[in-house]
Amino acid sequence: MKNKRIGEFEEVVLLLVGILGQEAYALKIAEEYRKQTGKTASIGAVHSALVRMSKKGFLRSAMGAPTDRRGGRRKRIYEVTALGHRTLSHTRDLRMSLWRQYPGFAIKFS
């Protein structure tokens, strides 16, 4: 997985895509990012991360149905791929391994 590493922002966005399911589109992800982290992320930053992770194969997307609320425009809905799930699993395992080794925090995680 050497070439398939992700940064913290990408990791959080990828997790949010999985959490949001059919509501995983750029604006909703940016809103949820703010809600979950207390930090703001521009739509542009979220969109760039989504495109970057799609190119890496972590995400796939499809256009949703047009809605009256959006003036007939469609949303691009994202979904985590199998590679994205493996990458998240690898990232989680690495972080947990490091936490277990950190003095003072070396507790057993399940």
PDB file of N, CA and C in Angstrom:
ATOM      1  N   MET A   1       0.819  -1.202   0.000  1.00  0.00           N
ATOM      2  CA  MET A   1       0.000   0.000   0.000  1.00  0.00           C
ATOM      3  C   MET A   1       0.858   1.260   0.000  1.00  0.00           C
ATOM      4  N   LYS A   2       2.110   1.132  -0.347  1.00  0.00           N
ATOM      5  CA  LYS A   2       3.045   2.242  -0.350  1.00  0.00           C
ATOM      6  C   LYS A   2       2.509   3.445  -1.126  1.00  0.00           C
ATOM      7  N   ASN A   3       1.981   3.236  -2.311  1.00  0.00           N
ATOM      8  CA  ASN A   3       1.491   4.326  -3.138  1.00  0.00           C
ATOM      9  C   ASN A   3       0.066   4.724  -2.803  1.00  0.00           C
ATOM     10  N   LYS A   4      -0.542   4.048  -1.877  1.00  0.00           N
ATOM     11  CA  LYS A   4      -1.957   4.290  -1.592  1.00  0.00           C
ATOM     12  C   LYS A   4      -2.174   4.912  -0.218  1.00  0.00           C
ATOM     13  N   ARG A   5      -1.219   5.678   0.240  1.00  0.00           N
ATOM     14  CA  ARG A   5      -1.370   6.325   1.545  1.00  0.00           C
ATOM     15  C   ARG A   5      -2.219   7.577   1.412  1.00  0.00           C
ATOM     16  N   ILE A   6      -2.838   7.940   2.513  1.00  0.00           N
ATOM     17  CA  ILE A   6      -3.674   9.136   2.531  1.00  0.00           C
ATOM     18  C   ILE A   6      -3.303   9.995   3.720  1.00  0.00           C
ATOM     19  N   GLY A   7      -3.519  11.291   3.581  1.00  0.00           N
ATOM     20  CA  GLY A   7      -3.297  12.232   4.666  1.00  0.00           C
ATOM     21  C   GLY A   7      -4.507  12.289   5.579  1.00  0.00           C
ATOM     22  N   GLU A   8      -4.376  13.049   6.645  1.00  0.00           N
ATOM     23  CA  GLU A   8      -5.458  13.136   7.630  1.00  0.00           C
ATOM     24  C   GLU A   8      -6.748  13.687   7.017  1.00  0.00           C
ATOM     25  N   PHE A   9      -6.642  14.752   6.217  1.00  0.00           N
ATOM     26  CA  PHE A   9      -7.841  15.331   5.618  1.00  0.00           C
ATOM     27  C   PHE A   9      -8.525  14.316   4.707  1.00  0.00           C
ATOM     28  N   GLU A  10      -7.748  13.651   3.855  1.00  0.00           N
ATOM     29  CA  GLU A  10      -8.319  12.630   2.978  1.00  0.00           C
ATOM     30  C   GLU A  10      -8.952  11.499   3.783  1.00  0.00           C
ATOM     31  N   GLU A  11      -8.285  11.106   4.859  1.00  0.00           N
ATOM     32  CA  GLU A  11      -8.835  10.034   5.706  1.00  0.00           C
ATOM     33  C   GLU A  11     -10.198  10.423   6.260  1.00  0.00           C
ATOM     34  N   VAL A  12     -10.309  11.624   6.775  1.00  0.00           N
ATOM     35  CA  VAL A  12     -11.582  12.074   7.350  1.00  0.00           C
ATOM     36  C   VAL A  12     -12.646  12.174   6.258  1.00  0.00           C
ATOM     37  N   VAL A  13     -12.287  12.719   5.105  1.00  0.00           N
ATOM     38  CA  VAL A  13     -13.257  12.831   4.009  1.00  0.00           C
ATOM     39  C   VAL A  13     -13.704  11.441   3.565  1.00  0.00           C
ATOM     40  N   LEU A  14     -12.774  10.509   3.449  1.00  0.00           N
ATOM     41  CA  LEU A  14     -13.121   9.143   3.054  1.00  0.00           C
ATOM     42  C   LEU A  14     -14.055   8.498   4.080  1.00  0.00           C
ATOM     43  N   LEU A  15     -13.775   8.696   5.355  1.00  0.00           N
ATOM     44  CA  LEU A  15     -14.664   8.183   6.402  1.00  0.00           C
ATOM     45  C   LEU A  15     -16.053   8.816   6.307  1.00  0.00           C
ATOM     46  N   LEU A  16     -16.090  10.119   6.055  1.00  0.00           N
ATOM     47  CA  LEU A  16     -17.379  10.802   5.950  1.00  0.00           C
ATOM     48  C   LEU A  16     -18.189  10.304   4.757  1.00  0.00           C
ATOM     49  N   VAL A  17     -17.526   9.994   3.655  1.00  0.00           N
ATOM     50  CA  VAL A  17     -18.233   9.427   2.506  1.00  0.00           C
ATOM     51  C   VAL A  17     -18.926   8.137   2.931  1.00  0.00           C
ATOM     52  N   GLY A  18     -18.209   7.288   3.659  1.00  0.00           N
ATOM     53  CA  GLY A  18     -18.799   6.039   4.137  1.00  0.00           C
ATOM     54  C   GLY A  18     -19.937   6.268   5.112  1.00  0.00           C
ATOM     55  N   ILE A  19     -19.796   7.238   5.972  1.00  0.00           N
ATOM     56  CA  ILE A  19     -20.819   7.545   6.978  1.00  0.00           C
ATOM     57  C   ILE A  19     -22.078   8.115   6.312  1.00  0.00           C
ATOM     58  N   LEU A  20     -21.893   9.000   5.348  1.00  0.00           N
ATOM     59  CA  LEU A  20     -23.032   9.689   4.734  1.00  0.00           C
ATOM     60  C   LEU A  20     -23.801   8.847   3.724  1.00  0.00           C
ATOM     61  N   GLY A  21     -23.191   7.820   3.191  1.00  0.00           N
ATOM     62  CA  GLY A  21     -23.879   6.947   2.238  1.00  0.00           C
ATOM     63  C   GLY A  21     -24.409   7.704   1.044  1.00  0.00           C
ATOM     64  N   GLN A  22     -25.709   7.597   0.760  1.00  0.00           N
ATOM     65  CA  GLN A  22     -26.315   8.244  -0.405  1.00  0.00           C
ATOM     66  C   GLN A  22     -26.347   9.767  -0.311  1.00  0.00           C
ATOM     67  N   GLU A  23     -25.957  10.311   0.815  1.00  0.00           N
ATOM     68  CA  GLU A  23     -25.892  11.763   0.985  1.00  0.00           C
ATOM     69  C   GLU A  23     -24.456  12.272   0.853  1.00  0.00           C
ATOM     70  N   ALA A  24     -23.543  11.446   0.328  1.00  0.00           N
ATOM     71  CA  ALA A  24     -22.125  11.796   0.242  1.00  0.00           C
ATOM     72  C   ALA A  24     -21.838  12.596  -1.026  1.00  0.00           C
ATOM     73  N   TYR A  25     -22.138  13.889  -0.979  1.00  0.00           N
ATOM     74  CA  TYR A  25     -21.799  14.811  -2.052  1.00  0.00           C
ATOM     75  C   TYR A  25     -21.023  15.969  -1.430  1.00  0.00           C
ATOM     76  N   ALA A  26     -20.296  16.726  -2.238  1.00  0.00           N
ATOM     77  CA  ALA A  26     -19.304  17.681  -1.736  1.00  0.00           C
ATOM     78  C   ALA A  26     -19.841  18.630  -0.665  1.00  0.00           C
ATOM     79  N   LEU A  27     -20.962  19.277  -0.901  1.00  0.00           N
ATOM     80  CA  LEU A  27     -21.492  20.239   0.073  1.00  0.00           C
ATOM     81  C   LEU A  27     -21.818  19.553   1.400  1.00  0.00           C
ATOM     82  N   LYS A  28     -22.483  18.420   1.342  1.00  0.00           N
ATOM     83  CA  LYS A  28     -22.860  17.694   2.559  1.00  0.00           C
ATOM     84  C   LYS A  28     -21.611  17.224   3.307  1.00  0.00           C
ATOM     85  N   ILE A  29     -20.593  16.769   2.566  1.00  0.00           N
ATOM     86  CA  ILE A  29     -19.345  16.318   3.191  1.00  0.00           C
ATOM     87  C   ILE A  29     -18.674  17.491   3.897  1.00  0.00           C
ATOM     88  N   ALA A  30     -18.638  18.667   3.261  1.00  0.00           N
ATOM     89  CA  ALA A  30     -18.040  19.851   3.888  1.00  0.00           C
ATOM     90  C   ALA A  30     -18.798  20.233   5.156  1.00  0.00           C
ATOM     91  N   GLU A  31     -20.116  20.170   5.115  1.00  0.00           N
ATOM     92  CA  GLU A  31     -20.927  20.477   6.304  1.00  0.00           C
ATOM     93  C   GLU A  31     -20.655  19.479   7.418  1.00  0.00           C
ATOM     94  N   GLU A  32     -20.598  18.202   7.071  1.00  0.00           N
ATOM     95  CA  GLU A  32     -20.365  17.158   8.073  1.00  0.00           C
ATOM     96  C   GLU A  32     -18.946  17.247   8.623  1.00  0.00           C
ATOM     97  N   TYR A  33     -17.994  17.633   7.787  1.00  0.00           N
ATOM     98  CA  TYR A  33     -16.613  17.826   8.235  1.00  0.00           C
ATOM     99  C   TYR A  33     -16.575  18.891   9.341  1.00  0.00           C
ATOM    100  N   ARG A  34     -17.254  20.011   9.096  1.00  0.00           N
ATOM    101  CA  ARG A  34     -17.309  21.076  10.106  1.00  0.00           C
ATOM    102  C   ARG A  34     -17.980  20.591  11.389  1.00  0.00           C
ATOM    103  N   LYS A  35     -19.081  19.877  11.223  1.00  0.00           N
ATOM    104  CA  LYS A  35     -19.830  19.365  12.374  1.00  0.00           C
ATOM    105  C   LYS A  35     -18.989  18.386  13.204  1.00  0.00           C
ATOM    106  N   GLN A  36     -18.290  17.485  12.521  1.00  0.00           N
ATOM    107  CA  GLN A  36     -17.538  16.435  13.223  1.00  0.00           C
ATOM    108  C   GLN A  36     -16.207  16.928  13.796  1.00  0.00           C
ATOM    109  N   THR A  37     -15.528  17.869  13.088  1.00  0.00           N
ATOM    110  CA  THR A  37     -14.179  18.284  13.506  1.00  0.00           C
ATOM    111  C   THR A  37     -14.126  19.656  14.159  1.00  0.00           C
ATOM    112  N   GLY A  38     -15.155  20.461  13.935  1.00  0.00           N
ATOM    113  CA  GLY A  38     -15.124  21.832  14.428  1.00  0.00           C
ATOM    114  C   GLY A  38     -14.289  22.747  13.542  1.00  0.00           C
ATOM    115  N   LYS A  39     -13.787  22.240  12.428  1.00  0.00           N
ATOM    116  CA  LYS A  39     -12.991  23.024  11.476  1.00  0.00           C
ATOM    117  C   LYS A  39     -13.795  23.197  10.197  1.00  0.00           C
ATOM    118  N   THR A  40     -13.481  24.260   9.453  1.00  0.00           N
ATOM    119  CA  THR A  40     -14.150  24.439   8.175  1.00  0.00           C
ATOM    120  C   THR A  40     -13.255  23.926   7.052  1.00  0.00           C
ATOM    121  N   ALA A  41     -13.890  23.434   6.027  1.00  0.00           N
ATOM    122  CA  ALA A  41     -13.202  23.016   4.809  1.00  0.00           C
ATOM    123  C   ALA A  41     -14.004  23.585   3.648  1.00  0.00           C
ATOM    124  N   SER A  42     -13.338  24.268   2.761  1.00  0.00           N
ATOM    125  CA  SER A  42     -14.053  24.840   1.622  1.00  0.00           C
ATOM    126  C   SER A  42     -14.569  23.731   0.717  1.00  0.00           C
ATOM    127  N   ILE A  43     -15.599  24.056  -0.039  1.00  0.00           N
ATOM    128  CA  ILE A  43     -16.131  23.100  -1.013  1.00  0.00           C
ATOM    129  C   ILE A  43     -15.030  22.723  -1.996  1.00  0.00           C
ATOM    130  N   GLY A  44     -14.209  23.696  -2.370  1.00  0.00           N
ATOM    131  CA  GLY A  44     -13.106  23.436  -3.292  1.00  0.00           C
ATOM    132  C   GLY A  44     -12.115  22.424  -2.749  1.00  0.00           C
ATOM    133  N   ALA A  45     -11.778  22.543  -1.461  1.00  0.00           N
ATOM    134  CA  ALA A  45     -10.843  21.597  -0.839  1.00  0.00           C
ATOM    135  C   ALA A  45     -11.453  20.199  -0.781  1.00  0.00           C
ATOM    136  N   VAL A  46     -12.730  20.127  -0.433  1.00  0.00           N
ATOM    137  CA  VAL A  46     -13.415  18.838  -0.369  1.00  0.00           C
ATOM    138  C   VAL A  46     -13.495  18.241  -1.773  1.00  0.00           C
ATOM    139  N   HIS A  47     -13.876  19.049  -2.747  1.00  0.00           N
ATOM    140  CA  HIS A  47     -13.993  18.564  -4.118  1.00  0.00           C
ATOM    141  C   HIS A  47     -12.639  18.065  -4.627  1.00  0.00           C
ATOM    142  N   SER A  48     -11.572  18.804  -4.365  1.00  0.00           N
ATOM    143  CA  SER A  48     -10.227  18.382  -4.792  1.00  0.00           C
ATOM    144  C   SER A  48      -9.849  17.044  -4.173  1.00  0.00           C
ATOM    145  N   ALA A  49     -10.148  16.880  -2.891  1.00  0.00           N
ATOM    146  CA  ALA A  49      -9.849  15.612  -2.219  1.00  0.00           C
ATOM    147  C   ALA A  49     -10.663  14.472  -2.826  1.00  0.00           C
ATOM    148  N   LEU A  50     -11.924  14.728  -3.126  1.00  0.00           N
ATOM    149  CA  LEU A  50     -12.782  13.702  -3.726  1.00  0.00           C
ATOM    150  C   LEU A  50     -12.261  13.280  -5.102  1.00  0.00           C
ATOM    151  N   VAL A  51     -11.868  14.248  -5.919  1.00  0.00           N
ATOM    152  CA  VAL A  51     -11.332  13.949  -7.249  1.00  0.00           C
ATOM    153  C   VAL A  51     -10.022  13.179  -7.121  1.00  0.00           C
ATOM    154  N   ARG A  52      -9.138  13.646  -6.235  1.00  0.00           N
ATOM    155  CA  ARG A  52      -7.845  12.992  -6.017  1.00  0.00           C
ATOM    156  C   ARG A  52      -8.032  11.539  -5.574  1.00  0.00           C
ATOM    157  N   MET A  53      -8.939  11.306  -4.632  1.00  0.00           N
ATOM    158  CA  MET A  53      -9.155   9.949  -4.144  1.00  0.00           C
ATOM    159  C   MET A  53      -9.869   9.081  -5.169  1.00  0.00           C
ATOM    160  N   SER A  54     -10.681   9.700  -6.024  1.00  0.00           N
ATOM    161  CA  SER A  54     -11.301   8.945  -7.118  1.00  0.00           C
ATOM    162  C   SER A  54     -10.227   8.466  -8.088  1.00  0.00           C
ATOM    163  N   LYS A  55      -9.280   9.340  -8.407  1.00  0.00           N
ATOM    164  CA  LYS A  55      -8.184   8.970  -9.311  1.00  0.00           C
ATOM    165  C   LYS A  55      -7.314   7.860  -8.722  1.00  0.00           C
ATOM    166  N   LYS A  56      -7.177   7.842  -7.402  1.00  0.00           N
ATOM    167  CA  LYS A  56      -6.399   6.794  -6.737  1.00  0.00           C
ATOM    168  C   LYS A  56      -7.172   5.486  -6.632  1.00  0.00           C
ATOM    169  N   GLY A  57      -8.475   5.531  -6.909  1.00  0.00           N
ATOM    170  CA  GLY A  57      -9.296   4.330  -6.850  1.00  0.00           C
ATOM    171  C   GLY A  57      -9.965   4.081  -5.512  1.00  0.00           C
ATOM    172  N   PHE A  58      -9.929   5.054  -4.604  1.00  0.00           N
ATOM    173  CA  PHE A  58     -10.540   4.904  -3.282  1.00  0.00           C
ATOM    174  C   PHE A  58     -12.040   5.181  -3.307  1.00  0.00           C
ATOM    175  N   LEU A  59     -12.469   5.943  -4.302  1.00  0.00           N
ATOM    176  CA  LEU A  59     -13.871   6.340  -4.419  1.00  0.00           C
ATOM    177  C   LEU A  59     -14.358   6.114  -5.840  1.00  0.00           C
ATOM    178  N   ARG A  60     -15.666   5.936  -5.967  1.00  0.00           N
ATOM    179  CA  ARG A  60     -16.325   5.996  -7.268  1.00  0.00           C
ATOM    180  C   ARG A  60     -17.501   6.944  -7.081  1.00  0.00           C
ATOM    181  N   SER A  61     -17.977   7.461  -8.194  1.00  0.00           N
ATOM    182  CA  SER A  61     -19.085   8.408  -8.083  1.00  0.00           C
ATOM    183  C   SER A  61     -20.076   8.198  -9.212  1.00  0.00           C
ATOM    184  N   ALA A  62     -21.258   8.700  -8.989  1.00  0.00           N
ATOM    185  CA  ALA A  62     -22.321   8.676  -9.988  1.00  0.00           C
ATOM    186  C   ALA A  62     -23.180   9.916  -9.772  1.00  0.00           C
ATOM    187  N   MET A  63     -23.814  10.348 -10.836  1.00  0.00           N
ATOM    188  CA  MET A  63     -24.693  11.505 -10.726  1.00  0.00           C
ATOM    189  C   MET A  63     -26.038  11.063 -10.150  1.00  0.00           C
ATOM    190  N   GLY A  64     -26.503  11.812  -9.152  1.00  0.00           N
ATOM    191  CA  GLY A  64     -27.802  11.541  -8.561  1.00  0.00           C
ATOM    192  C   GLY A  64     -28.907  12.102  -9.441  1.00  0.00           C
ATOM    193  N   ALA A  65     -30.119  11.858  -9.048  1.00  0.00           N
ATOM    194  CA  ALA A  65     -31.274  12.353  -9.793  1.00  0.00           C
ATOM    195  C   ALA A  65     -31.396  13.869  -9.638  1.00  0.00           C
ATOM    196  N   PRO A  66     -31.923  14.547 -10.661  1.00  0.00           N
ATOM    197  CA  PRO A  66     -32.153  15.992 -10.542  1.00  0.00           C
ATOM    198  C   PRO A  66     -33.189  16.273  -9.447  1.00  0.00           C
ATOM    199  N   THR A  67     -33.019  17.386  -8.766  1.00  0.00           N
ATOM    200  CA  THR A  67     -33.982  17.747  -7.717  1.00  0.00           C
ATOM    201  C   THR A  67     -34.512  19.157  -7.964  1.00  0.00           C
ATOM    202  N   ASP A  68     -35.749  19.379  -7.591  1.00  0.00           N
ATOM    203  CA  ASP A  68     -36.345  20.707  -7.703  1.00  0.00           C
ATOM    204  C   ASP A  68     -35.610  21.680  -6.794  1.00  0.00           C
ATOM    205  N   ARG A  69     -35.197  21.194  -5.651  1.00  0.00           N
ATOM    206  CA  ARG A  69     -34.510  22.040  -4.665  1.00  0.00           C
ATOM    207  C   ARG A  69     -33.241  22.649  -5.244  1.00  0.00           C
ATOM    208  N   ARG A  70     -32.593  21.929  -6.163  1.00  0.00           N
ATOM    209  CA  ARG A  70     -31.360  22.407  -6.792  1.00  0.00           C
ATOM    210  C   ARG A  70     -31.620  22.957  -8.190  1.00  0.00           C
ATOM    211  N   GLY A  71     -32.863  23.319  -8.475  1.00  0.00           N
ATOM    212  CA  GLY A  71     -33.193  23.876  -9.774  1.00  0.00           C
ATOM    213  C   GLY A  71     -33.008  22.890 -10.916  1.00  0.00           C
ATOM    214  N   GLY A  72     -33.230  21.603 -10.623  1.00  0.00           N
ATOM    215  CA  GLY A  72     -33.100  20.578 -11.639  1.00  0.00           C
ATOM    216  C   GLY A  72     -31.684  20.044 -11.825  1.00  0.00           C
ATOM    217  N   ARG A  73     -30.740  20.595 -11.071  1.00  0.00           N
ATOM    218  CA  ARG A  73     -29.353  20.118 -11.181  1.00  0.00           C
ATOM    219  C   ARG A  73     -29.172  18.842 -10.379  1.00  0.00           C
ATOM    220  N   ARG A  74     -28.177  18.055 -10.795  1.00  0.00           N
ATOM    221  CA  ARG A  74     -27.903  16.782 -10.126  1.00  0.00           C
ATOM    222  C   ARG A  74     -26.661  16.900  -9.260  1.00  0.00           C
ATOM    223  N   LYS A  75     -26.592  16.063  -8.238  1.00  0.00           N
ATOM    224  CA  LYS A  75     -25.427  16.004  -7.348  1.00  0.00           C
ATOM    225  C   LYS A  75     -24.577  14.811  -7.732  1.00  0.00           C
ATOM    226  N   ARG A  76     -23.252  14.951  -7.568  1.00  0.00           N
ATOM    227  CA  ARG A  76     -22.357  13.820  -7.749  1.00  0.00           C
ATOM    228  C   ARG A  76     -22.228  13.135  -6.389  1.00  0.00           C
ATOM    229  N   ILE A  77     -22.692  11.891  -6.313  1.00  0.00           N
ATOM    230  CA  ILE A  77     -22.680  11.112  -5.078  1.00  0.00           C
ATOM    231  C   ILE A  77     -21.462  10.191  -5.098  1.00  0.00           C
ATOM    232  N   TYR A  78     -20.728  10.177  -4.009  1.00  0.00           N
ATOM    233  CA  TYR A  78     -19.507   9.371  -3.902  1.00  0.00           C
ATOM    234  C   TYR A  78     -19.744   8.138  -3.045  1.00  0.00           C
ATOM    235  N   GLU A  79     -18.963   7.097  -3.334  1.00  0.00           N
ATOM    236  CA  GLU A  79     -19.037   5.833  -2.610  1.00  0.00           C
ATOM    237  C   GLU A  79     -17.617   5.294  -2.434  1.00  0.00           C
ATOM    238  N   VAL A  80     -17.343   4.731  -1.279  1.00  0.00           N
ATOM    239  CA  VAL A  80     -16.025   4.149  -0.996  1.00  0.00           C
ATOM    240  C   VAL A  80     -15.910   2.808  -1.727  1.00  0.00           C
ATOM    241  N   THR A  81     -14.788   2.607  -2.423  1.00  0.00           N
ATOM    242  CA  THR A  81     -14.532   1.349  -3.133  1.00  0.00           C
ATOM    243  C   THR A  81     -13.896   0.331  -2.184  1.00  0.00           C
ATOM    244  N   ALA A  82     -13.725  -0.885  -2.663  1.00  0.00           N
ATOM    245  CA  ALA A  82     -13.045  -1.921  -1.870  1.00  0.00           C
ATOM    246  C   ALA A  82     -11.626  -1.473  -1.538  1.00  0.00           C
ATOM    247  N   LEU A  83     -10.937  -0.852  -2.503  1.00  0.00           N
ATOM    248  CA  LEU A  83      -9.586  -0.347  -2.238  1.00  0.00           C
ATOM    249  C   LEU A  83      -9.629   0.748  -1.179  1.00  0.00           C
ATOM    250  N   GLY A  84     -10.639   1.588  -1.223  1.00  0.00           N
ATOM    251  CA  GLY A  84     -10.799   2.623  -0.197  1.00  0.00           C
ATOM    252  C   GLY A  84     -11.000   2.022   1.184  1.00  0.00           C
ATOM    253  N   HIS A  85     -11.789   0.963   1.263  1.00  0.00           N
ATOM    254  CA  HIS A  85     -12.003   0.276   2.547  1.00  0.00           C
ATOM    255  C   HIS A  85     -10.695  -0.330   3.057  1.00  0.00           C
ATOM    256  N   ARG A  86      -9.934  -0.958   2.155  1.00  0.00           N
ATOM    257  CA  ARG A  86      -8.645  -1.543   2.565  1.00  0.00           C
ATOM    258  C   ARG A  86      -7.676  -0.457   3.030  1.00  0.00           C
ATOM    259  N   THR A  87      -7.690   0.672   2.351  1.00  0.00           N
ATOM    260  CA  THR A  87      -6.813   1.781   2.726  1.00  0.00           C
ATOM    261  C   THR A  87      -7.190   2.320   4.097  1.00  0.00           C
ATOM    262  N   LEU A  88      -8.487   2.482   4.349  1.00  0.00           N
ATOM    263  CA  LEU A  88      -8.928   2.931   5.672  1.00  0.00           C
ATOM    264  C   LEU A  88      -8.539   1.923   6.751  1.00  0.00           C
ATOM    265  N   SER A  89      -8.691   0.661   6.459  1.00  0.00           N
ATOM    266  CA  SER A  89      -8.330  -0.389   7.414  1.00  0.00           C
ATOM    267  C   SER A  89      -6.833  -0.339   7.713  1.00  0.00           C
ATOM    268  N   HIS A  90      -6.029  -0.195   6.678  1.00  0.00           N
ATOM    269  CA  HIS A  90      -4.574  -0.112   6.853  1.00  0.00           C
ATOM    270  C   HIS A  90      -4.204   1.117   7.692  1.00  0.00           C
ATOM    271  N   THR A  91      -4.836   2.251   7.385  1.00  0.00           N
ATOM    272  CA  THR A  91      -4.565   3.485   8.115  1.00  0.00           C
ATOM    273  C   THR A  91      -4.956   3.351   9.582  1.00  0.00           C
ATOM    274  N   ARG A  92      -6.116   2.767   9.839  1.00  0.00           N
ATOM    275  CA  ARG A  92      -6.574   2.545  11.216  1.00  0.00           C
ATOM    276  C   ARG A  92      -5.600   1.643  11.964  1.00  0.00           C
ATOM    277  N   ASP A  93      -5.183   0.538  11.334  1.00  0.00           N
ATOM    278  CA  ASP A  93      -4.266  -0.398  11.983  1.00  0.00           C
ATOM    279  C   ASP A  93      -2.927   0.260  12.303  1.00  0.00           C
ATOM    280  N   LEU A  94      -2.421   1.072  11.371  1.00  0.00           N
ATOM    281  CA  LEU A  94      -1.162   1.779  11.616  1.00  0.00           C
ATOM    282  C   LEU A  94      -1.300   2.731  12.793  1.00  0.00           C
ATOM    283  N   ARG A  95      -2.373   3.512  12.810  1.00  0.00           N
ATOM    284  CA  ARG A  95      -2.575   4.465  13.914  1.00  0.00           C
ATOM    285  C   ARG A  95      -2.737   3.749  15.261  1.00  0.00           C
ATOM    286  N   MET A  96      -3.496   2.669  15.268  1.00  0.00           N
ATOM    287  CA  MET A  96      -3.691   1.924  16.521  1.00  0.00           C
ATOM    288  C   MET A  96      -2.374   1.331  17.002  1.00  0.00           C
ATOM    289  N   SER A  97      -1.566   0.828  16.104  1.00  0.00           N
ATOM    290  CA  SER A  97      -0.256   0.289  16.460  1.00  0.00           C
ATOM    291  C   SER A  97       0.613   1.378  17.091  1.00  0.00           C
ATOM    292  N   LEU A  98       0.584   2.558  16.512  1.00  0.00           N
ATOM    293  CA  LEU A  98       1.371   3.656  17.070  1.00  0.00           C
ATOM    294  C   LEU A  98       0.845   4.080  18.434  1.00  0.00           C
ATOM    295  N   TRP A  99      -0.475   4.162  18.606  1.00  0.00           N
ATOM    296  CA  TRP A  99      -1.057   4.519  19.896  1.00  0.00           C
ATOM    297  C   TRP A  99      -0.679   3.497  20.970  1.00  0.00           C
ATOM    298  N   ARG A 100      -0.650   2.237  20.604  1.00  0.00           N
ATOM    299  CA  ARG A 100      -0.287   1.195  21.570  1.00  0.00           C
ATOM    300  C   ARG A 100       1.155   1.344  22.037  1.00  0.00           C
ATOM    301  N   GLN A 101       2.002   1.905  21.205  1.00  0.00           N
ATOM    302  CA  GLN A 101       3.417   2.053  21.532  1.00  0.00           C
ATOM    303  C   GLN A 101       3.734   3.351  22.267  1.00  0.00           C
ATOM    304  N   TYR A 102       2.842   4.303  22.222  1.00  0.00           N
ATOM    305  CA  TYR A 102       3.090   5.620  22.803  1.00  0.00           C
ATOM    306  C   TYR A 102       3.055   5.521  24.327  1.00  0.00           C
ATOM    307  N   PRO A 103       4.176   5.875  25.014  1.00  0.00           N
ATOM    308  CA  PRO A 103       4.208   5.788  26.483  1.00  0.00           C
ATOM    309  C   PRO A 103       3.091   6.639  27.113  1.00  0.00           C
ATOM    310  N   GLY A 104       2.448   6.074  28.091  1.00  0.00           N
ATOM    311  CA  GLY A 104       1.370   6.769  28.766  1.00  0.00           C
ATOM    312  C   GLY A 104       0.013   6.536  28.124  1.00  0.00           C
ATOM    313  N   PHE A 105       0.015   6.138  26.855  1.00  0.00           N
ATOM    314  CA  PHE A 105      -1.218   5.829  26.152  1.00  0.00           C
ATOM    315  C   PHE A 105      -1.263   4.378  25.746  1.00  0.00           C
ATOM    316  N   ALA A 106      -0.278   3.634  26.172  1.00  0.00           N
ATOM    317  CA  ALA A 106      -0.125   2.235  25.759  1.00  0.00           C
ATOM    318  C   ALA A 106      -1.172   1.366  26.441  1.00  0.00           C
ATOM    319  N   ILE A 107      -2.426   1.608  26.117  1.00  0.00           N
ATOM    320  CA  ILE A 107      -3.506   0.789  26.647  1.00  0.00           C
ATOM    321  C   ILE A 107      -3.964  -0.156  25.557  1.00  0.00           C
ATOM    322  N   LYS A 108      -4.672  -1.157  25.957  1.00  0.00           N
ATOM    323  CA  LYS A 108      -5.147  -2.112  24.968  1.00  0.00           C
ATOM    324  C   LYS A 108      -6.435  -1.607  24.329  1.00  0.00           C
ATOM    325  N   PHE A 109      -6.391  -1.470  23.010  1.00  0.00           N
ATOM    326  CA  PHE A 109      -7.569  -1.112  22.254  1.00  0.00           C
ATOM    327  C   PHE A 109      -8.164  -2.385  21.702  1.00  0.00           C
ATOM    328  N   SER A 110      -9.462  -2.420  21.604  1.00  0.00           N
ATOM    329  CA  SER A 110     -10.085  -3.614  21.025  1.00  0.00           C
ATOM    330  C   SER A 110     -10.173  -3.501  19.538  1.00  0.00           C
TER     331      SER A 110
END
